[in-house]
C-alpha atoms as a PDB file:
ATOM      1  CA  MET A   1       2.797 -15.442  13.804  1.00  0.00           C
ATOM      2  CA  SER A   2       2.692 -17.529  10.841  1.00  0.00           C
ATOM      3  CA  GLU A   3       3.792 -15.970   7.206  1.00  0.00           C
ATOM      4  CA  GLN A   4       0.063 -15.990   6.110  1.00  0.00           C
ATOM      5  CA  ASP A   5      -0.731 -13.402   9.101  1.00  0.00           C
ATOM      6  CA  ILE A   6       1.282 -10.850   7.354  1.00  0.00           C
ATOM      7  CA  LEU A   7      -0.709  -8.721   5.014  1.00  0.00           C
ATOM      8  CA  ILE A   8       1.797  -6.833   2.500  1.00  0.00           C
ATOM      9  CA  PHE A   9       0.066  -6.602  -1.403  1.00  0.00           C
ATOM     10  CA  GLU A  10       1.225  -5.017  -4.856  1.00  0.00           C
ATOM     11  CA  VAL A  11      -1.920  -3.254  -5.816  1.00  0.00           C
ATOM     12  CA  SER A  12      -3.202  -2.266  -9.307  1.00  0.00           C
ATOM     13  CA  LYS A  13      -5.930  -0.682 -10.968  1.00  0.00           C
ATOM     14  CA  SER A  14      -7.937  -3.557 -11.441  1.00  0.00           C
ATOM     15  CA  SER A  15      -6.887  -4.951  -7.987  1.00  0.00           C
ATOM     16  CA  PHE A  16      -7.970  -1.856  -5.747  1.00  0.00           C
ATOM     17  CA  ASN A  17     -11.044  -2.025  -4.805  1.00  0.00           C
ATOM     18  CA  SER A  18     -10.975  -5.936  -3.734  1.00  0.00           C
ATOM     19  CA  SER A  19      -7.414  -5.219  -2.635  1.00  0.00           C
ATOM     20  CA  VAL A  20      -7.732  -2.074  -0.578  1.00  0.00           C
ATOM     21  CA  ILE A  21     -11.416  -0.280  -0.236  1.00  0.00           C
ATOM     22  CA  LEU A  22     -13.022  -3.587   0.547  1.00  0.00           C
ATOM     23  CA  LYS A  23     -10.121  -4.976   2.950  1.00  0.00           C
ATOM     24  CA  SER A  24     -10.219  -1.814   4.992  1.00  0.00           C
ATOM     25  CA  TYR A  25     -13.826  -2.393   6.686  1.00  0.00           C
ATOM     26  CA  ASN A  26     -12.041  -4.953   8.326  1.00  0.00           C
ATOM     27  CA  THR A  27      -8.275  -3.858   8.693  1.00  0.00           C
ATOM     28  CA  PRO A  28      -6.768  -0.174   8.090  1.00  0.00           C
ATOM     29  CA  VAL A  29      -5.094  -0.322   4.438  1.00  0.00           C
ATOM     30  CA  PHE A  30      -1.927   2.142   4.133  1.00  0.00           C
ATOM     31  CA  VAL A  31      -0.910   2.596   0.243  1.00  0.00           C
ATOM     32  CA  GLU A  32       2.513   3.685  -0.273  1.00  0.00           C
ATOM     33  CA  TYR A  33       2.216   5.076  -3.406  1.00  0.00           C
ATOM     34  CA  MET A  34       5.674   5.047  -4.985  1.00  0.00           C
ATOM     35  CA  ASN A  35       8.203   4.681  -7.799  1.00  0.00           C
ATOM     36  CA  ILE A  36      10.386   1.377  -7.539  1.00  0.00           C
ATOM     37  CA  LEU A  37      13.492   2.611  -8.501  1.00  0.00           C
ATOM     38  CA  SER A  38      14.038   5.808  -5.603  1.00  0.00           C
ATOM     39  CA  GLU A  39      15.707   5.467  -2.771  1.00  0.00           C
ATOM     40  CA  PRO A  40      12.958   7.170  -0.698  1.00  0.00           C
ATOM     41  CA  CYS A  41      10.806   4.957  -1.798  1.00  0.00           C
ATOM     42  CA  ILE A  42      12.357   2.205  -1.388  1.00  0.00           C
ATOM     43  CA  LYS A  43      13.391   2.824   2.570  1.00  0.00           C
ATOM     44  CA  MET A  44       9.759   3.260   3.010  1.00  0.00           C
ATOM     45  CA  ALA A  45       8.767   0.763   1.522  1.00  0.00           C
ATOM     46  CA  ASP A  46      11.010  -1.166   3.817  1.00  0.00           C
ATOM     47  CA  GLN A  47      10.053   0.413   6.797  1.00  0.00           C
ATOM     48  CA  LEU A  48       6.463  -0.670   6.549  1.00  0.00           C
ATOM     49  CA  SER A  49       6.900  -3.969   5.075  1.00  0.00           C
ATOM     50  CA  SER A  50       9.081  -4.192   8.346  1.00  0.00           C
ATOM     51  CA  MET A  51       5.806  -2.805  10.570  1.00  0.00           C
ATOM     52  CA  ALA A  52       3.825  -5.128   8.665  1.00  0.00           C
ATOM     53  CA  LYS A  53       5.874  -8.362   9.824  1.00  0.00           C
ATOM     54  CA  GLU A  54       5.691  -7.011  13.102  1.00  0.00           C
ATOM     55  CA  PHE A  55       2.253  -6.075  13.679  1.00  0.00           C
ATOM     56  CA  ALA A  56       0.783  -8.817  11.933  1.00  0.00           C
ATOM     57  CA  ASP A  57      -2.816  -8.598  11.096  1.00  0.00           C
ATOM     58  CA  GLN A  58      -2.873  -5.172  12.661  1.00  0.00           C
ATOM     59  CA  PHE A  59      -2.878  -3.778   8.752  1.00  0.00           C
ATOM     60  CA  ILE A  60      -2.283  -4.349   5.630  1.00  0.00           C
ATOM     61  CA  PHE A  61       0.015  -2.723   3.642  1.00  0.00           C
ATOM     62  CA  ALA A  62      -0.409  -1.303   0.302  1.00  0.00           C
ATOM     63  CA  LYS A  63       2.072  -0.958  -2.993  1.00  0.00           C
ATOM     64  CA  VAL A  64       1.367   1.458  -5.908  1.00  0.00           C
ATOM     65  CA  ASP A  65       3.834   1.574  -8.891  1.00  0.00           C
ATOM     66  CA  LEU A  66       3.109   5.077  -9.992  1.00  0.00           C
ATOM     67  CA  ASP A  67       4.988   4.031 -13.295  1.00  0.00           C
ATOM     68  CA  GLU A  68       2.552   0.626 -14.317  1.00  0.00           C
ATOM     69  CA  GLN A  69      -0.359   2.790 -12.444  1.00  0.00           C
ATOM     70  CA  PRO A  70      -0.853   6.665 -13.451  1.00  0.00           C
ATOM     71  CA  GLU A  71      -4.993   6.122 -13.035  1.00  0.00           C
ATOM     72  CA  LEU A  72      -4.251   5.872  -9.241  1.00  0.00           C
ATOM     73  CA  ARG A  73      -1.887   8.303  -9.463  1.00  0.00           C
ATOM     74  CA  ASP A  74      -4.165  10.998 -11.337  1.00  0.00           C
ATOM     75  CA  GLU A  75      -7.240   9.492 -10.011  1.00  0.00           C
ATOM     76  CA  TYR A  76      -5.839   9.927  -5.754  1.00  0.00           C
ATOM     77  CA  LYS A  77      -3.900  13.729  -7.198  1.00  0.00           C
ATOM     78  CA  ILE A  78      -0.687  11.924  -6.363  1.00  0.00           C
ATOM     79  CA  GLU A  79       2.022  14.227  -6.939  1.00  0.00           C
ATOM     80  CA  ASN A  80       5.464  13.024  -4.987  1.00  0.00           C
ATOM     81  CA  ALA A  81       7.356  10.053  -4.397  1.00  0.00           C
ATOM     82  CA  PRO A  82       7.021   8.545  -2.146  1.00  0.00           C
ATOM     83  CA  SER A  83       3.370   9.540  -0.965  1.00  0.00           C
ATOM     84  CA  LEU A  84       1.173   7.532   1.658  1.00  0.00           C
ATOM     85  CA  ASN A  85      -2.798   7.345   1.760  1.00  0.00           C
ATOM     86  CA  SER A  86      -5.320   5.411   4.879  1.00  0.00           C
ATOM     87  CA  PHE A  87      -7.970   3.969   4.472  1.00  0.00           C
ATOM     88  CA  LYS A  88     -10.627   2.777   7.009  1.00  0.00           C
ATOM     89  CA  ASP A  89     -14.160   2.049   6.371  1.00  0.00           C
ATOM     90  CA  GLY A  90     -13.680   2.470   2.684  1.00  0.00           C
END
């Protein structure tokens, strides 16, 4: 397994379509909506990052910082952090 097989992204409103929606047509994408200073968010991110490494090329792990991306929080109606969404085929 090479480092390039591991698919972990930080996404913003401007990159969400290309990094999540479009990529989900080829590979399932799990998106964690998180607050970067929250211990539960950090633990979930660590677990998902570990799984992304273990199961390289089988899914994409994307992270959204809710403090910096309030538009995505509103668009996907995220009320709690961490929250997890999955995307497949758009």
